[in-house]
Amino acid sequence: MNKSELIGMAAEKAEVSKKDTEKVINALFETVGDALAKGDRVQLVGFGTFEVRERKAREGRNPATGEVIKIPSTRVPVFKAGKGLREKVK
């Protein structure tokens, strides 16, 4: 499912226009992104939790040359599914 299909299905379930649904979904994505950028967690009970984790610096290898390279530390977004979502998917 892509974003436009998500908007269409959500609009149909909520019985509102696609245009209004698109505004809400875009606002939700932007708000979650802003919260993660500040280092906050976003917890949606029954759905899941979005958070940022620190990935440590490490050494890797260039697969073409075998040369050892240093991979710097970085922050990555992570999603952990909540109990309700996990049970629905089973």
PDB file of N, CA and C in Angstrom:
ATOM      1  N   MET A   1       0.852  -1.165   0.000  1.00  0.00           N
ATOM      2  CA  MET A   1       0.000   0.000   0.000  1.00  0.00           C
ATOM      3  C   MET A   1       0.903   1.233   0.000  1.00  0.00           C
ATOM      4  N   ASN A   2       0.584   2.179  -0.868  1.00  0.00           N
ATOM      5  CA  ASN A   2       1.335   3.424  -0.875  1.00  0.00           C
ATOM      6  C   ASN A   2       0.528   4.531  -0.198  1.00  0.00           C
ATOM      7  N   LYS A   3       1.089   5.735  -0.149  1.00  0.00           N
ATOM      8  CA  LYS A   3       0.466   6.825   0.589  1.00  0.00           C
ATOM      9  C   LYS A   3      -0.906   7.198   0.032  1.00  0.00           C
ATOM     10  N   SER A   4      -1.055   7.254  -1.277  1.00  0.00           N
ATOM     11  CA  SER A   4      -2.348   7.634  -1.852  1.00  0.00           C
ATOM     12  C   SER A   4      -3.414   6.573  -1.584  1.00  0.00           C
ATOM     13  N   GLU A   5      -3.024   5.297  -1.571  1.00  0.00           N
ATOM     14  CA  GLU A   5      -3.971   4.237  -1.233  1.00  0.00           C
ATOM     15  C   GLU A   5      -4.370   4.325   0.242  1.00  0.00           C
ATOM     16  N   LEU A   6      -3.410   4.644   1.104  1.00  0.00           N
ATOM     17  CA  LEU A   6      -3.698   4.835   2.524  1.00  0.00           C
ATOM     18  C   LEU A   6      -4.693   5.976   2.715  1.00  0.00           C
ATOM     19  N   ILE A   7      -4.476   7.078   2.037  1.00  0.00           N
ATOM     20  CA  ILE A   7      -5.372   8.227   2.132  1.00  0.00           C
ATOM     21  C   ILE A   7      -6.765   7.849   1.666  1.00  0.00           C
ATOM     22  N   GLY A   8      -6.866   7.140   0.565  1.00  0.00           N
ATOM     23  CA  GLY A   8      -8.162   6.721   0.038  1.00  0.00           C
ATOM     24  C   GLY A   8      -8.918   5.818   0.995  1.00  0.00           C
ATOM     25  N   MET A   9      -8.230   4.841   1.566  1.00  0.00           N
ATOM     26  CA  MET A   9      -8.883   3.916   2.479  1.00  0.00           C
ATOM     27  C   MET A   9      -9.297   4.606   3.776  1.00  0.00           C
ATOM     28  N   ALA A  10      -8.423   5.480   4.300  1.00  0.00           N
ATOM     29  CA  ALA A  10      -8.738   6.202   5.532  1.00  0.00           C
ATOM     30  C   ALA A  10      -9.916   7.152   5.310  1.00  0.00           C
ATOM     31  N   ALA A  11      -9.971   7.802   4.166  1.00  0.00           N
ATOM     32  CA  ALA A  11     -11.070   8.717   3.844  1.00  0.00           C
ATOM     33  C   ALA A  11     -12.386   7.961   3.770  1.00  0.00           C
ATOM     34  N   GLU A  12     -12.330   6.784   3.187  1.00  0.00           N
ATOM     35  CA  GLU A  12     -13.534   5.959   3.063  1.00  0.00           C
ATOM     36  C   GLU A  12     -14.027   5.494   4.442  1.00  0.00           C
ATOM     37  N   LYS A  13     -13.115   5.030   5.285  1.00  0.00           N
ATOM     38  CA  LYS A  13     -13.504   4.555   6.625  1.00  0.00           C
ATOM     39  C   LYS A  13     -14.035   5.680   7.504  1.00  0.00           C
ATOM     40  N   ALA A  14     -13.429   6.871   7.385  1.00  0.00           N
ATOM     41  CA  ALA A  14     -13.833   7.999   8.224  1.00  0.00           C
ATOM     42  C   ALA A  14     -14.993   8.787   7.611  1.00  0.00           C
ATOM     43  N   GLU A  15     -15.335   8.447   6.395  1.00  0.00           N
ATOM     44  CA  GLU A  15     -16.408   9.122   5.663  1.00  0.00           C
ATOM     45  C   GLU A  15     -16.178  10.631   5.568  1.00  0.00           C
ATOM     46  N   VAL A  16     -14.923  10.990   5.189  1.00  0.00           N
ATOM     47  CA  VAL A  16     -14.570  12.381   4.921  1.00  0.00           C
ATOM     48  C   VAL A  16     -13.870  12.436   3.564  1.00  0.00           C
ATOM     49  N   SER A  17     -13.636  13.652   3.072  1.00  0.00           N
ATOM     50  CA  SER A  17     -13.026  13.795   1.746  1.00  0.00           C
ATOM     51  C   SER A  17     -11.564  13.363   1.764  1.00  0.00           C
ATOM     52  N   LYS A  18     -11.087  12.971   0.594  1.00  0.00           N
ATOM     53  CA  LYS A  18      -9.682  12.583   0.468  1.00  0.00           C
ATOM     54  C   LYS A  18      -8.773  13.771   0.743  1.00  0.00           C
ATOM     55  N   LYS A  19      -9.213  14.958   0.346  1.00  0.00           N
ATOM     56  CA  LYS A  19      -8.408  16.155   0.542  1.00  0.00           C
ATOM     57  C   LYS A  19      -8.188  16.425   2.037  1.00  0.00           C
ATOM     58  N   ASP A  20      -9.263  16.322   2.829  1.00  0.00           N
ATOM     59  CA  ASP A  20      -9.147  16.534   4.277  1.00  0.00           C
ATOM     60  C   ASP A  20      -8.300  15.430   4.917  1.00  0.00           C
ATOM     61  N   THR A  21      -8.489  14.207   4.472  1.00  0.00           N
ATOM     62  CA  THR A  21      -7.721  13.083   5.002  1.00  0.00           C
ATOM     63  C   THR A  21      -6.246  13.245   4.696  1.00  0.00           C
ATOM     64  N   GLU A  22      -5.935  13.713   3.495  1.00  0.00           N
ATOM     65  CA  GLU A  22      -4.543  13.922   3.114  1.00  0.00           C
ATOM     66  C   GLU A  22      -3.896  14.972   4.024  1.00  0.00           C
ATOM     67  N   LYS A  23      -4.608  16.030   4.342  1.00  0.00           N
ATOM     68  CA  LYS A  23      -4.081  17.066   5.241  1.00  0.00           C
ATOM     69  C   LYS A  23      -3.771  16.481   6.615  1.00  0.00           C
ATOM     70  N   VAL A  24      -4.678  15.663   7.124  1.00  0.00           N
ATOM     71  CA  VAL A  24      -4.489  15.068   8.447  1.00  0.00           C
ATOM     72  C   VAL A  24      -3.300  14.110   8.446  1.00  0.00           C
ATOM     73  N   ILE A  25      -3.216  13.257   7.442  1.00  0.00           N
ATOM     74  CA  ILE A  25      -2.119  12.283   7.373  1.00  0.00           C
ATOM     75  C   ILE A  25      -0.781  12.989   7.210  1.00  0.00           C
ATOM     76  N   ASN A  26      -0.723  14.008   6.356  1.00  0.00           N
ATOM     77  CA  ASN A  26       0.521  14.771   6.195  1.00  0.00           C
ATOM     78  C   ASN A  26       0.915  15.458   7.495  1.00  0.00           C
ATOM     79  N   ALA A  27      -0.058  16.002   8.212  1.00  0.00           N
ATOM     80  CA  ALA A  27       0.216  16.651   9.494  1.00  0.00           C
ATOM     81  C   ALA A  27       0.726  15.627  10.506  1.00  0.00           C
ATOM     82  N   LEU A  28       0.140  14.437  10.512  1.00  0.00           N
ATOM     83  CA  LEU A  28       0.583  13.374  11.420  1.00  0.00           C
ATOM     84  C   LEU A  28       2.027  12.986  11.131  1.00  0.00           C
ATOM     85  N   PHE A  29       2.347  12.749   9.863  1.00  0.00           N
ATOM     86  CA  PHE A  29       3.710  12.359   9.497  1.00  0.00           C
ATOM     87  C   PHE A  29       4.704  13.456   9.870  1.00  0.00           C
ATOM     88  N   GLU A  30       4.352  14.706   9.620  1.00  0.00           N
ATOM     89  CA  GLU A  30       5.235  15.822   9.937  1.00  0.00           C
ATOM     90  C   GLU A  30       5.437  15.951  11.446  1.00  0.00           C
ATOM     91  N   THR A  31       4.367  15.788  12.204  1.00  0.00           N
ATOM     92  CA  THR A  31       4.447  15.892  13.659  1.00  0.00           C
ATOM     93  C   THR A  31       5.312  14.786  14.250  1.00  0.00           C
ATOM     94  N   VAL A  32       5.143  13.564  13.772  1.00  0.00           N
ATOM     95  CA  VAL A  32       5.966  12.444  14.243  1.00  0.00           C
ATOM     96  C   VAL A  32       7.430  12.706  13.883  1.00  0.00           C
ATOM     97  N   GLY A  33       7.685  13.156  12.668  1.00  0.00           N
ATOM     98  CA  GLY A  33       9.056  13.452  12.242  1.00  0.00           C
ATOM     99  C   GLY A  33       9.693  14.539  13.083  1.00  0.00           C
ATOM    100  N   ASP A  34       8.932  15.603  13.379  1.00  0.00           N
ATOM    101  CA  ASP A  34       9.453  16.695  14.210  1.00  0.00           C
ATOM    102  C   ASP A  34       9.777  16.207  15.619  1.00  0.00           C
ATOM    103  N   ALA A  35       8.901  15.384  16.187  1.00  0.00           N
ATOM    104  CA  ALA A  35       9.125  14.856  17.533  1.00  0.00           C
ATOM    105  C   ALA A  35      10.377  13.982  17.562  1.00  0.00           C
ATOM    106  N   LEU A  36      10.549  13.138  16.563  1.00  0.00           N
ATOM    107  CA  LEU A  36      11.731  12.273  16.511  1.00  0.00           C
ATOM    108  C   LEU A  36      12.999  13.094  16.324  1.00  0.00           C
ATOM    109  N   ALA A  37      12.927  14.155  15.536  1.00  0.00           N
ATOM    110  CA  ALA A  37      14.092  15.012  15.309  1.00  0.00           C
ATOM    111  C   ALA A  37      14.538  15.674  16.610  1.00  0.00           C
ATOM    112  N   LYS A  38      13.592  15.952  17.508  1.00  0.00           N
ATOM    113  CA  LYS A  38      13.922  16.544  18.805  1.00  0.00           C
ATOM    114  C   LYS A  38      14.385  15.490  19.806  1.00  0.00           C
ATOM    115  N   GLY A  39      14.285  14.208  19.443  1.00  0.00           N
ATOM    116  CA  GLY A  39      14.697  13.143  20.350  1.00  0.00           C
ATOM    117  C   GLY A  39      13.570  12.584  21.192  1.00  0.00           C
ATOM    118  N   ASP A  40      12.333  13.008  20.933  1.00  0.00           N
ATOM    119  CA  ASP A  40      11.181  12.513  21.685  1.00  0.00           C
ATOM    120  C   ASP A  40      10.716  11.162  21.153  1.00  0.00           C
ATOM    121  N   ARG A  41       9.988  10.435  22.000  1.00  0.00           N
ATOM    122  CA  ARG A  41       9.317   9.200  21.591  1.00  0.00           C
ATOM    123  C   ARG A  41       7.871   9.537  21.262  1.00  0.00           C
ATOM    124  N   VAL A  42       7.296   8.819  20.314  1.00  0.00           N
ATOM    125  CA  VAL A  42       5.879   8.955  19.994  1.00  0.00           C
ATOM    126  C   VAL A  42       5.252   7.597  20.244  1.00  0.00           C
ATOM    127  N   GLN A  43       4.412   7.519  21.270  1.00  0.00           N
ATOM    128  CA  GLN A  43       3.803   6.252  21.661  1.00  0.00           C
ATOM    129  C   GLN A  43       2.308   6.309  21.384  1.00  0.00           C
ATOM    130  N   LEU A  44       1.839   5.424  20.521  1.00  0.00           N
ATOM    131  CA  LEU A  44       0.429   5.304  20.188  1.00  0.00           C
ATOM    132  C   LEU A  44      -0.049   3.971  20.750  1.00  0.00           C
ATOM    133  N   VAL A  45      -0.724   4.023  21.882  1.00  0.00           N
ATOM    134  CA  VAL A  45      -1.119   2.812  22.600  1.00  0.00           C
ATOM    135  C   VAL A  45      -1.949   1.908  21.678  1.00  0.00           C
ATOM    136  N   GLY A  46      -1.575   0.641  21.634  1.00  0.00           N
ATOM    137  CA  GLY A  46      -2.265  -0.335  20.806  1.00  0.00           C
ATOM    138  C   GLY A  46      -1.731  -0.404  19.388  1.00  0.00           C
ATOM    139  N   PHE A  47      -0.993   0.630  18.960  1.00  0.00           N
ATOM    140  CA  PHE A  47      -0.429   0.642  17.607  1.00  0.00           C
ATOM    141  C   PHE A  47       1.070   0.413  17.641  1.00  0.00           C
ATOM    142  N   GLY A  48       1.788   1.280  18.370  1.00  0.00           N
ATOM    143  CA  GLY A  48       3.227   1.100  18.457  1.00  0.00           C
ATOM    144  C   GLY A  48       3.933   2.353  18.905  1.00  0.00           C
ATOM    145  N   THR A  49       5.260   2.266  18.934  1.00  0.00           N
ATOM    146  CA  THR A  49       6.092   3.359  19.407  1.00  0.00           C
ATOM    147  C   THR A  49       7.164   3.684  18.375  1.00  0.00           C
ATOM    148  N   PHE A  50       7.297   4.977  18.089  1.00  0.00           N
ATOM    149  CA  PHE A  50       8.369   5.478  17.238  1.00  0.00           C
ATOM    150  C   PHE A  50       9.398   6.112  18.159  1.00  0.00           C
ATOM    151  N   GLU A  51      10.679   5.809  17.932  1.00  0.00           N
ATOM    152  CA  GLU A  51      11.727   6.429  18.730  1.00  0.00           C
ATOM    153  C   GLU A  51      13.009   6.492  17.919  1.00  0.00           C
ATOM    154  N   VAL A  52      13.981   7.228  18.448  1.00  0.00           N
ATOM    155  CA  VAL A  52      15.280   7.369  17.798  1.00  0.00           C
ATOM    156  C   VAL A  52      16.305   6.622  18.634  1.00  0.00           C
ATOM    157  N   ARG A  53      17.117   5.830  17.969  1.00  0.00           N
ATOM    158  CA  ARG A  53      18.194   5.106  18.652  1.00  0.00           C
ATOM    159  C   ARG A  53      19.523   5.513  18.046  1.00  0.00           C
ATOM    160  N   GLU A  54      20.535   5.447  18.885  1.00  0.00           N
ATOM    161  CA  GLU A  54      21.890   5.770  18.451  1.00  0.00           C
ATOM    162  C   GLU A  54      22.561   4.492  17.948  1.00  0.00           C
ATOM    163  N   ARG A  55      23.068   4.548  16.755  1.00  0.00           N
ATOM    164  CA  ARG A  55      23.835   3.419  16.208  1.00  0.00           C
ATOM    165  C   ARG A  55      25.311   3.771  16.381  1.00  0.00           C
ATOM    166  N   LYS A  56      26.061   2.931  17.090  1.00  0.00           N
ATOM    167  CA  LYS A  56      27.455   3.213  17.411  1.00  0.00           C
ATOM    168  C   LYS A  56      28.341   3.207  16.162  1.00  0.00           C
ATOM    169  N   ALA A  57      29.450   3.924  16.266  1.00  0.00           N
ATOM    170  CA  ALA A  57      30.450   3.900  15.205  1.00  0.00           C
ATOM    171  C   ALA A  57      31.059   2.501  15.153  1.00  0.00           C
ATOM    172  N   ARG A  58      31.424   2.079  13.978  1.00  0.00           N
ATOM    173  CA  ARG A  58      31.988   0.746  13.835  1.00  0.00           C
ATOM    174  C   ARG A  58      32.873   0.683  12.591  1.00  0.00           C
ATOM    175  N   GLU A  59      33.585  -0.408  12.471  1.00  0.00           N
ATOM    176  CA  GLU A  59      34.404  -0.621  11.282  1.00  0.00           C
ATOM    177  C   GLU A  59      33.665  -1.544  10.332  1.00  0.00           C
ATOM    178  N   GLY A  60      33.794  -1.257   9.064  1.00  0.00           N
ATOM    179  CA  GLY A  60      33.183  -2.094   8.044  1.00  0.00           C
ATOM    180  C   GLY A  60      34.198  -2.361   6.951  1.00  0.00           C
ATOM    181  N   ARG A  61      33.759  -3.051   5.935  1.00  0.00           N
ATOM    182  CA  ARG A  61      34.655  -3.345   4.812  1.00  0.00           C
ATOM    183  C   ARG A  61      33.980  -2.954   3.505  1.00  0.00           C
ATOM    184  N   ASN A  62      34.779  -2.393   2.635  1.00  0.00           N
ATOM    185  CA  ASN A  62      34.319  -2.115   1.284  1.00  0.00           C
ATOM    186  C   ASN A  62      34.281  -3.464   0.564  1.00  0.00           C
ATOM    187  N   PRO A  63      33.081  -3.917   0.131  1.00  0.00           N
ATOM    188  CA  PRO A  63      33.002  -5.254  -0.468  1.00  0.00           C
ATOM    189  C   PRO A  63      33.779  -5.383  -1.778  1.00  0.00           C
ATOM    190  N   ALA A  64      33.977  -4.289  -2.477  1.00  0.00           N
ATOM    191  CA  ALA A  64      34.694  -4.363  -3.750  1.00  0.00           C
ATOM    192  C   ALA A  64      36.194  -4.512  -3.556  1.00  0.00           C
ATOM    193  N   THR A  65      36.741  -3.793  -2.559  1.00  0.00           N
ATOM    194  CA  THR A  65      38.199  -3.795  -2.383  1.00  0.00           C
ATOM    195  C   THR A  65      38.662  -4.535  -1.129  1.00  0.00           C
ATOM    196  N   GLY A  66      37.762  -4.764  -0.197  1.00  0.00           N
ATOM    197  CA  GLY A  66      38.137  -5.399   1.059  1.00  0.00           C
ATOM    198  C   GLY A  66      38.765  -4.419   2.041  1.00  0.00           C
ATOM    199  N   GLU A  67      38.853  -3.160   1.649  1.00  0.00           N
ATOM    200  CA  GLU A  67      39.462  -2.129   2.491  1.00  0.00           C
ATOM    201  C   GLU A  67      38.598  -1.866   3.727  1.00  0.00           C
ATOM    202  N   VAL A  68      39.253  -1.726   4.877  1.00  0.00           N
ATOM    203  CA  VAL A  68      38.552  -1.425   6.127  1.00  0.00           C
ATOM    204  C   VAL A  68      38.179   0.052   6.124  1.00  0.00           C
ATOM    205  N   ILE A  69      36.901   0.332   6.435  1.00  0.00           N
ATOM    206  CA  ILE A  69      36.448   1.730   6.493  1.00  0.00           C
ATOM    207  C   ILE A  69      35.786   1.967   7.849  1.00  0.00           C
ATOM    208  N   LYS A  70      35.808   3.215   8.284  1.00  0.00           N
ATOM    209  CA  LYS A  70      35.155   3.574   9.545  1.00  0.00           C
ATOM    210  C   LYS A  70      33.759   4.087   9.222  1.00  0.00           C
ATOM    211  N   ILE A  71      32.764   3.504   9.880  1.00  0.00           N
ATOM    212  CA  ILE A  71      31.374   3.928   9.721  1.00  0.00           C
ATOM    213  C   ILE A  71      31.035   4.761  10.950  1.00  0.00           C
ATOM    214  N   PRO A  72      30.676   6.038  10.750  1.00  0.00           N
ATOM    215  CA  PRO A  72      30.429   6.905  11.910  1.00  0.00           C
ATOM    216  C   PRO A  72      29.127   6.545  12.632  1.00  0.00           C
ATOM    217  N   SER A  73      29.011   7.004  13.882  1.00  0.00           N
ATOM    218  CA  SER A  73      27.770   6.785  14.621  1.00  0.00           C
ATOM    219  C   SER A  73      26.666   7.621  13.971  1.00  0.00           C
ATOM    220  N   THR A  74      25.451   7.175  14.131  1.00  0.00           N
ATOM    221  CA  THR A  74      24.319   7.878  13.539  1.00  0.00           C
ATOM    222  C   THR A  74      23.067   7.611  14.350  1.00  0.00           C
ATOM    223  N   ARG A  75      22.090   8.480  14.197  1.00  0.00           N
ATOM    224  CA  ARG A  75      20.791   8.306  14.844  1.00  0.00           C
ATOM    225  C   ARG A  75      19.822   7.760  13.805  1.00  0.00           C
ATOM    226  N   VAL A  76      19.066   6.727  14.185  1.00  0.00           N
ATOM    227  CA  VAL A  76      18.122   6.115  13.249  1.00  0.00           C
ATOM    228  C   VAL A  76      16.735   6.006  13.876  1.00  0.00           C
ATOM    229  N   PRO A  77      15.676   6.235  13.080  1.00  0.00           N
ATOM    230  CA  PRO A  77      14.325   6.055  13.596  1.00  0.00           C
ATOM    231  C   PRO A  77      13.990   4.568  13.676  1.00  0.00           C
ATOM    232  N   VAL A  78      13.244   4.200  14.722  1.00  0.00           N
ATOM    233  CA  VAL A  78      12.869   2.808  14.944  1.00  0.00           C
ATOM    234  C   VAL A  78      11.387   2.768  15.292  1.00  0.00           C
ATOM    235  N   PHE A  79      10.682   1.751  14.787  1.00  0.00           N
ATOM    236  CA  PHE A  79       9.279   1.538  15.131  1.00  0.00           C
ATOM    237  C   PHE A  79       9.149   0.182  15.789  1.00  0.00           C
ATOM    238  N   LYS A  80       8.473   0.146  16.929  1.00  0.00           N
ATOM    239  CA  LYS A  80       8.192  -1.116  17.609  1.00  0.00           C
ATOM    240  C   LYS A  80       6.682  -1.263  17.672  1.00  0.00           C
ATOM    241  N   ALA A  81       6.160  -2.318  17.077  1.00  0.00           N
ATOM    242  CA  ALA A  81       4.716  -2.545  17.043  1.00  0.00           C
ATOM    243  C   ALA A  81       4.160  -2.804  18.433  1.00  0.00           C
ATOM    244  N   GLY A  82       2.991  -2.250  18.698  1.00  0.00           N
ATOM    245  CA  GLY A  82       2.310  -2.467  19.965  1.00  0.00           C
ATOM    246  C   GLY A  82       1.572  -3.792  19.976  1.00  0.00           C
ATOM    247  N   LYS A  83       1.094  -4.165  21.137  1.00  0.00           N
ATOM    248  CA  LYS A  83       0.427  -5.455  21.316  1.00  0.00           C
ATOM    249  C   LYS A  83      -0.800  -5.582  20.414  1.00  0.00           C
ATOM    250  N   GLY A  84      -1.614  -4.533  20.327  1.00  0.00           N
ATOM    251  CA  GLY A  84      -2.819  -4.587  19.509  1.00  0.00           C
ATOM    252  C   GLY A  84      -2.511  -4.814  18.044  1.00  0.00           C
ATOM    253  N   LEU A  85      -1.493  -4.138  17.525  1.00  0.00           N
ATOM    254  CA  LEU A  85      -1.101  -4.301  16.123  1.00  0.00           C
ATOM    255  C   LEU A  85      -0.526  -5.694  15.883  1.00  0.00           C
ATOM    256  N   ARG A  86       0.321  -6.148  16.797  1.00  0.00           N
ATOM    257  CA  ARG A  86       0.902  -7.501  16.646  1.00  0.00           C
ATOM    258  C   ARG A  86      -0.186  -8.562  16.605  1.00  0.00           C
ATOM    259  N   GLU A  87      -1.196  -8.449  17.485  1.00  0.00           N
ATOM    260  CA  GLU A  87      -2.263  -9.438  17.516  1.00  0.00           C
ATOM    261  C   GLU A  87      -3.126  -9.380  16.261  1.00  0.00           C
ATOM    262  N   LYS A  88      -3.321  -8.183  15.723  1.00  0.00           N
ATOM    263  CA  LYS A  88      -4.133  -8.045  14.514  1.00  0.00           C
ATOM    264  C   LYS A  88      -3.452  -8.672  13.308  1.00  0.00           C
ATOM    265  N   VAL A  89      -2.123  -8.602  13.270  1.00  0.00           N
ATOM    266  CA  VAL A  89      -1.371  -9.135  12.152  1.00  0.00           C
ATOM    267  C   VAL A  89      -1.276 -10.656  12.186  1.00  0.00           C
ATOM    268  N   LYS A  90      -1.321 -11.244  13.369  1.00  0.00           N
ATOM    269  CA  LYS A  90      -1.184 -12.715  13.507  1.00  0.00           C
ATOM    270  C   LYS A  90      -2.134 -13.450  12.632  1.00  0.00           C
TER     271      LYS A  90
END
